[in-house]
Amino acid sequence: MLFDYTYNACKEEINSQIIILTKEGCGIRSTARILNISPKTILRRIIKIAKYLCRPYSILKGKSYEVDEMFTYIKHKDNRICIAYSLEHESKNIIDFVVGRRNKANLRKVTDTLILSKASKITTDKLNIYKQIIPKELHSTKFRGINRIERNNLTLRTHLKRLNRKTICYSKSLAVLTAVVKIYFWG
């Protein structure tokens, strides 16, 4: 006997629609309106979907990578949060990312993955922390060396309004921000 559920959140294809709408930059409330589901259900589903996502490709040895960070806010403008991530230069794949404070521990989470993959070169901006955590023979800060990841930052800010600089859109929790970024990168 088939069950006909009346609530849209019970439908099988709803998770894939949430992923598509999140990647297209729809906010929580607009996704809820489009899918005719409660905003709280959308938030729970986004966190649940992101929990089961993993990097869709393997990290290859000897490749060149770019590392950069961008800032956003959680709850209010005084609570500044950093999204640091690495991009493979040729394929433009996002290798790893971390959402949190811009400190040595968080940036090390991103760069250690690249160092362990025996990267041929890691290009960053001239932030002093990178000099301390990336070996000198791998590290590069050449002019226009991180153009691809900077362009990716612009695309990311355009698609996800919660990352836009001058906006009233923002994230209310670190868990939801991390989940949305993970869905955008790897969903």
C-alpha atoms as a PDB file:
ATOM      1  CA  MET A   1       0.000   0.000   0.000  1.00  0.00           C
ATOM      2  CA  LEU A   2       1.381   3.407  -0.983  1.00  0.00           C
ATOM      3  CA  PHE A   3       1.276   6.303   1.387  1.00  0.00           C
ATOM      4  CA  ASP A   4       0.415   9.719   0.049  1.00  0.00           C
ATOM      5  CA  TYR A   5       1.953  12.260   2.371  1.00  0.00           C
ATOM      6  CA  THR A   6       0.474  15.706   2.310  1.00  0.00           C
ATOM      7  CA  TYR A   7       3.498  17.451   3.820  1.00  0.00           C
ATOM      8  CA  ASN A   8       6.082  18.330   1.149  1.00  0.00           C
ATOM      9  CA  ALA A   9       9.076  17.624   3.406  1.00  0.00           C
ATOM     10  CA  CYS A  10       8.285  13.889   3.208  1.00  0.00           C
ATOM     11  CA  LYS A  11       8.792  13.722  -0.559  1.00  0.00           C
ATOM     12  CA  GLU A  12      11.885  11.894  -1.801  1.00  0.00           C
ATOM     13  CA  GLU A  13      13.240  14.606  -4.104  1.00  0.00           C
ATOM     14  CA  ILE A  14      13.083  17.396  -1.512  1.00  0.00           C
ATOM     15  CA  ASN A  15      16.742  17.091  -0.394  1.00  0.00           C
ATOM     16  CA  SER A  16      18.028  17.487  -3.957  1.00  0.00           C
ATOM     17  CA  GLN A  17      15.789  20.537  -4.395  1.00  0.00           C
ATOM     18  CA  ILE A  18      17.167  22.044  -1.175  1.00  0.00           C
ATOM     19  CA  ILE A  19      20.723  21.517  -2.478  1.00  0.00           C
ATOM     20  CA  ILE A  20      19.877  23.165  -5.811  1.00  0.00           C
ATOM     21  CA  LEU A  21      18.190  26.157  -4.189  1.00  0.00           C
ATOM     22  CA  THR A  22      21.022  26.595  -1.681  1.00  0.00           C
ATOM     23  CA  LYS A  23      23.617  26.568  -4.468  1.00  0.00           C
ATOM     24  CA  GLU A  24      21.541  29.110  -6.395  1.00  0.00           C
ATOM     25  CA  GLY A  25      21.703  31.484  -3.447  1.00  0.00           C
ATOM     26  CA  CYS A  26      18.143  31.220  -2.150  1.00  0.00           C
ATOM     27  CA  GLY A  27      17.876  32.045   1.521  1.00  0.00           C
ATOM     28  CA  ILE A  28      16.206  29.886   4.132  1.00  0.00           C
ATOM     29  CA  ARG A  29      12.873  31.707   3.996  1.00  0.00           C
ATOM     30  CA  SER A  30      12.715  31.864   0.200  1.00  0.00           C
ATOM     31  CA  THR A  31      13.559  28.140  -0.029  1.00  0.00           C
ATOM     32  CA  ALA A  32      10.789  27.467   2.486  1.00  0.00           C
ATOM     33  CA  ARG A  33       8.307  29.507   0.432  1.00  0.00           C
ATOM     34  CA  ILE A  34       9.278  27.840  -2.860  1.00  0.00           C
ATOM     35  CA  LEU A  35       9.093  24.292  -1.472  1.00  0.00           C
ATOM     36  CA  ASN A  36       6.128  25.013   0.821  1.00  0.00           C
ATOM     37  CA  ILE A  37       7.996  23.756   3.895  1.00  0.00           C
ATOM     38  CA  SER A  38       8.649  25.288   7.296  1.00  0.00           C
ATOM     39  CA  PRO A  39      11.880  27.365   7.609  1.00  0.00           C
ATOM     40  CA  LYS A  40      12.857  25.315  10.671  1.00  0.00           C
ATOM     41  CA  THR A  41      12.598  22.141   8.598  1.00  0.00           C
ATOM     42  CA  ILE A  42      14.806  23.709   5.918  1.00  0.00           C
ATOM     43  CA  LEU A  43      17.445  24.593   8.538  1.00  0.00           C
ATOM     44  CA  ARG A  44      17.414  21.059   9.975  1.00  0.00           C
ATOM     45  CA  ARG A  45      17.626  19.528   6.498  1.00  0.00           C
ATOM     46  CA  ILE A  46      20.521  21.760   5.429  1.00  0.00           C
ATOM     47  CA  ILE A  47      22.529  20.722   8.495  1.00  0.00           C
ATOM     48  CA  LYS A  48      21.620  17.057   7.950  1.00  0.00           C
ATOM     49  CA  ILE A  49      22.505  17.140   4.227  1.00  0.00           C
ATOM     50  CA  ALA A  50      25.857  18.815   4.946  1.00  0.00           C
ATOM     51  CA  LYS A  51      26.718  16.238   7.611  1.00  0.00           C
ATOM     52  CA  TYR A  52      26.706  13.470   4.983  1.00  0.00           C
ATOM     53  CA  LEU A  53      28.615  15.410   2.315  1.00  0.00           C
ATOM     54  CA  CYS A  54      32.304  14.777   1.822  1.00  0.00           C
ATOM     55  CA  ARG A  55      34.934  15.924  -0.639  1.00  0.00           C
ATOM     56  CA  PRO A  56      33.790  14.523  -4.017  1.00  0.00           C
ATOM     57  CA  TYR A  57      37.296  13.976  -5.417  1.00  0.00           C
ATOM     58  CA  SER A  58      40.666  12.827  -4.207  1.00  0.00           C
ATOM     59  CA  ILE A  59      43.636  15.087  -3.621  1.00  0.00           C
ATOM     60  CA  LEU A  60      46.396  14.489  -6.150  1.00  0.00           C
ATOM     61  CA  LYS A  61      50.098  14.734  -5.333  1.00  0.00           C
ATOM     62  CA  GLY A  62      52.338  17.376  -6.852  1.00  0.00           C
ATOM     63  CA  LYS A  63      49.640  19.905  -7.755  1.00  0.00           C
ATOM     64  CA  SER A  64      49.629  23.671  -7.293  1.00  0.00           C
ATOM     65  CA  TYR A  65      47.135  25.199  -4.848  1.00  0.00           C
ATOM     66  CA  GLU A  66      45.835  28.611  -3.854  1.00  0.00           C
ATOM     67  CA  VAL A  67      44.719  29.442  -0.297  1.00  0.00           C
ATOM     68  CA  ASP A  68      42.686  32.472   0.717  1.00  0.00           C
ATOM     69  CA  GLU A  69      40.183  33.602   3.296  1.00  0.00           C
ATOM     70  CA  MET A  70      37.088  35.770   3.255  1.00  0.00           C
ATOM     71  CA  PHE A  71      35.069  37.315   6.058  1.00  0.00           C
ATOM     72  CA  THR A  72      31.428  37.384   7.012  1.00  0.00           C
ATOM     73  CA  TYR A  73      29.419  37.927  10.189  1.00  0.00           C
ATOM     74  CA  ILE A  74      27.281  35.824  12.478  1.00  0.00           C
ATOM     75  CA  LYS A  75      24.328  37.488  14.260  1.00  0.00           C
ATOM     76  CA  HIS A  76      25.871  40.987  14.221  1.00  0.00           C
ATOM     77  CA  LYS A  77      28.732  42.997  12.709  1.00  0.00           C
ATOM     78  CA  ASP A  78      30.916  42.617  15.805  1.00  0.00           C
ATOM     79  CA  ASN A  79      31.089  38.824  15.421  1.00  0.00           C
ATOM     80  CA  ARG A  80      33.385  38.466  12.411  1.00  0.00           C
ATOM     81  CA  ILE A  81      33.972  34.957  11.037  1.00  0.00           C
ATOM     82  CA  CYS A  82      36.519  33.765   8.484  1.00  0.00           C
ATOM     83  CA  ILE A  83      35.992  31.201   5.737  1.00  0.00           C
ATOM     84  CA  ALA A  84      39.409  29.898   4.700  1.00  0.00           C
ATOM     85  CA  TYR A  85      39.682  27.448   1.828  1.00  0.00           C
ATOM     86  CA  SER A  86      42.053  25.978  -0.711  1.00  0.00           C
ATOM     87  CA  LEU A  87      41.557  25.652  -4.449  1.00  0.00           C
ATOM     88  CA  GLU A  88      43.432  23.410  -6.879  1.00  0.00           C
ATOM     89  CA  HIS A  89      44.858  25.727  -9.533  1.00  0.00           C
ATOM     90  CA  GLU A  90      44.132  23.745 -12.713  1.00  0.00           C
ATOM     91  CA  SER A  91      40.779  22.085 -12.008  1.00  0.00           C
ATOM     92  CA  LYS A  92      39.434  24.850  -9.708  1.00  0.00           C
ATOM     93  CA  ASN A  93      38.201  22.209  -7.242  1.00  0.00           C
ATOM     94  CA  ILE A  94      37.775  23.238  -3.611  1.00  0.00           C
ATOM     95  CA  ILE A  95      40.090  20.927  -1.675  1.00  0.00           C
ATOM     96  CA  ASP A  96      39.382  21.874   1.916  1.00  0.00           C
ATOM     97  CA  PHE A  97      37.763  24.648   3.931  1.00  0.00           C
ATOM     98  CA  VAL A  98      37.285  25.772   7.505  1.00  0.00           C
ATOM     99  CA  VAL A  99      34.823  28.241   9.017  1.00  0.00           C
ATOM    100  CA  GLY A 100      35.868  30.025  12.204  1.00  0.00           C
ATOM    101  CA  ARG A 101      38.251  32.645  13.501  1.00  0.00           C
ATOM    102  CA  ARG A 102      41.253  33.649  11.392  1.00  0.00           C
ATOM    103  CA  ASN A 103      43.997  32.186  13.524  1.00  0.00           C
ATOM    104  CA  LYS A 104      46.929  29.850  13.093  1.00  0.00           C
ATOM    105  CA  ALA A 105      45.004  26.732  14.185  1.00  0.00           C
ATOM    106  CA  ASN A 106      42.201  27.171  11.648  1.00  0.00           C
ATOM    107  CA  LEU A 107      44.466  28.124   8.759  1.00  0.00           C
ATOM    108  CA  ARG A 108      46.678  25.150   9.590  1.00  0.00           C
ATOM    109  CA  LYS A 109      43.673  22.827   9.070  1.00  0.00           C
ATOM    110  CA  VAL A 110      43.489  23.977   5.451  1.00  0.00           C
ATOM    111  CA  THR A 111      47.220  24.060   4.707  1.00  0.00           C
ATOM    112  CA  ASP A 112      48.122  20.764   6.419  1.00  0.00           C
ATOM    113  CA  THR A 113      45.940  18.889   3.926  1.00  0.00           C
ATOM    114  CA  LEU A 114      47.932  20.425   1.086  1.00  0.00           C
ATOM    115  CA  ILE A 115      51.302  19.811   2.715  1.00  0.00           C
ATOM    116  CA  LEU A 116      50.423  16.155   3.327  1.00  0.00           C
ATOM    117  CA  SER A 117      49.410  15.800  -0.330  1.00  0.00           C
ATOM    118  CA  LYS A 118      52.964  16.838  -1.273  1.00  0.00           C
ATOM    119  CA  ALA A 119      51.885  19.961  -3.128  1.00  0.00           C
ATOM    120  CA  SER A 120      54.347  21.435  -5.600  1.00  0.00           C
ATOM    121  CA  LYS A 121      53.385  25.015  -4.684  1.00  0.00           C
ATOM    122  CA  ILE A 122      50.989  26.753  -2.281  1.00  0.00           C
ATOM    123  CA  THR A 123      50.212  30.339  -3.240  1.00  0.00           C
ATOM    124  CA  THR A 124      48.709  32.725  -0.684  1.00  0.00           C
ATOM    125  CA  ASP A 125      48.381  36.415  -0.038  1.00  0.00           C
ATOM    126  CA  LYS A 126      51.012  38.081   2.157  1.00  0.00           C
ATOM    127  CA  LEU A 127      49.379  37.312   5.493  1.00  0.00           C
ATOM    128  CA  ASN A 128      52.124  36.693   8.096  1.00  0.00           C
ATOM    129  CA  ILE A 129      50.485  33.554   9.518  1.00  0.00           C
ATOM    130  CA  TYR A 130      51.088  31.679   6.259  1.00  0.00           C
ATOM    131  CA  LYS A 131      54.852  32.217   6.562  1.00  0.00           C
ATOM    132  CA  GLN A 132      54.769  30.356   9.885  1.00  0.00           C
ATOM    133  CA  ILE A 133      52.651  27.357   8.836  1.00  0.00           C
ATOM    134  CA  ILE A 134      53.718  26.667   5.220  1.00  0.00           C
ATOM    135  CA  PRO A 135      57.277  25.459   4.517  1.00  0.00           C
ATOM    136  CA  LYS A 136      59.357  28.077   2.723  1.00  0.00           C
ATOM    137  CA  GLU A 137      60.128  25.852  -0.285  1.00  0.00           C
ATOM    138  CA  LEU A 138      56.384  25.363  -0.992  1.00  0.00           C
ATOM    139  CA  HIS A 139      55.122  28.860  -0.208  1.00  0.00           C
ATOM    140  CA  SER A 140      54.640  31.511  -2.880  1.00  0.00           C
ATOM    141  CA  THR A 141      53.190  35.015  -2.616  1.00  0.00           C
ATOM    142  CA  LYS A 142      53.765  36.200  -6.148  1.00  0.00           C
ATOM    143  CA  PHE A 143      51.820  39.115  -7.575  1.00  0.00           C
ATOM    144  CA  ARG A 144      48.523  37.955  -9.114  1.00  0.00           C
ATOM    145  CA  GLY A 145      49.225  34.424  -7.923  1.00  0.00           C
ATOM    146  CA  ILE A 146      45.816  33.954  -6.320  1.00  0.00           C
ATOM    147  CA  ASN A 147      43.625  35.406  -9.073  1.00  0.00           C
ATOM    148  CA  ARG A 148      41.505  32.265  -9.417  1.00  0.00           C
ATOM    149  CA  ILE A 149      40.611  31.989  -5.762  1.00  0.00           C
ATOM    150  CA  GLU A 150      39.921  35.728  -5.537  1.00  0.00           C
ATOM    151  CA  ARG A 151      37.570  35.365  -8.518  1.00  0.00           C
ATOM    152  CA  ASN A 152      35.966  32.408  -6.748  1.00  0.00           C
ATOM    153  CA  ASN A 153      35.455  34.650  -3.688  1.00  0.00           C
ATOM    154  CA  LEU A 154      33.504  37.098  -5.858  1.00  0.00           C
ATOM    155  CA  THR A 155      31.339  34.308  -7.260  1.00  0.00           C
ATOM    156  CA  LEU A 156      30.757  32.965  -3.769  1.00  0.00           C
ATOM    157  CA  ARG A 157      29.738  36.404  -2.480  1.00  0.00           C
ATOM    158  CA  THR A 158      27.395  36.853  -5.464  1.00  0.00           C
ATOM    159  CA  HIS A 159      25.663  33.496  -5.040  1.00  0.00           C
ATOM    160  CA  LEU A 160      25.419  33.408  -1.242  1.00  0.00           C
ATOM    161  CA  LYS A 161      23.990  36.708  -0.057  1.00  0.00           C
ATOM    162  CA  ARG A 162      24.900  35.913   3.549  1.00  0.00           C
ATOM    163  CA  LEU A 163      28.554  36.421   2.488  1.00  0.00           C
ATOM    164  CA  ASN A 164      27.964  39.729   0.709  1.00  0.00           C
ATOM    165  CA  ARG A 165      29.751  42.742   2.180  1.00  0.00           C
ATOM    166  CA  LYS A 166      27.092  45.446   2.312  1.00  0.00           C
ATOM    167  CA  THR A 167      23.880  43.587   2.977  1.00  0.00           C
ATOM    168  CA  ILE A 168      21.319  42.951   5.647  1.00  0.00           C
ATOM    169  CA  CYS A 169      21.555  39.204   5.012  1.00  0.00           C
ATOM    170  CA  TYR A 170      23.617  37.292   7.536  1.00  0.00           C
ATOM    171  CA  SER A 171      23.874  33.915   9.257  1.00  0.00           C
ATOM    172  CA  LYS A 172      22.462  33.383  12.698  1.00  0.00           C
ATOM    173  CA  SER A 173      24.589  30.358  13.583  1.00  0.00           C
ATOM    174  CA  LEU A 174      28.004  28.973  12.767  1.00  0.00           C
ATOM    175  CA  ALA A 175      26.539  25.502  12.118  1.00  0.00           C
ATOM    176  CA  VAL A 176      24.192  26.760   9.404  1.00  0.00           C
ATOM    177  CA  LEU A 177      26.907  28.905   7.786  1.00  0.00           C
ATOM    178  CA  THR A 178      29.280  25.916   7.695  1.00  0.00           C
ATOM    179  CA  ALA A 179      26.546  23.677   6.276  1.00  0.00           C
ATOM    180  CA  VAL A 180      25.589  26.165   3.541  1.00  0.00           C
ATOM    181  CA  VAL A 181      29.230  26.655   2.510  1.00  0.00           C
ATOM    182  CA  LYS A 182      29.788  22.881   2.461  1.00  0.00           C
ATOM    183  CA  ILE A 183      26.701  22.355   0.271  1.00  0.00           C
ATOM    184  CA  TYR A 184      27.845  25.140  -2.043  1.00  0.00           C
ATOM    185  CA  PHE A 185      31.368  23.720  -2.391  1.00  0.00           C
ATOM    186  CA  TRP A 186      30.668  19.981  -2.449  1.00  0.00           C
ATOM    187  CA  GLY A 187      26.903  19.493  -2.878  1.00  0.00           C
END
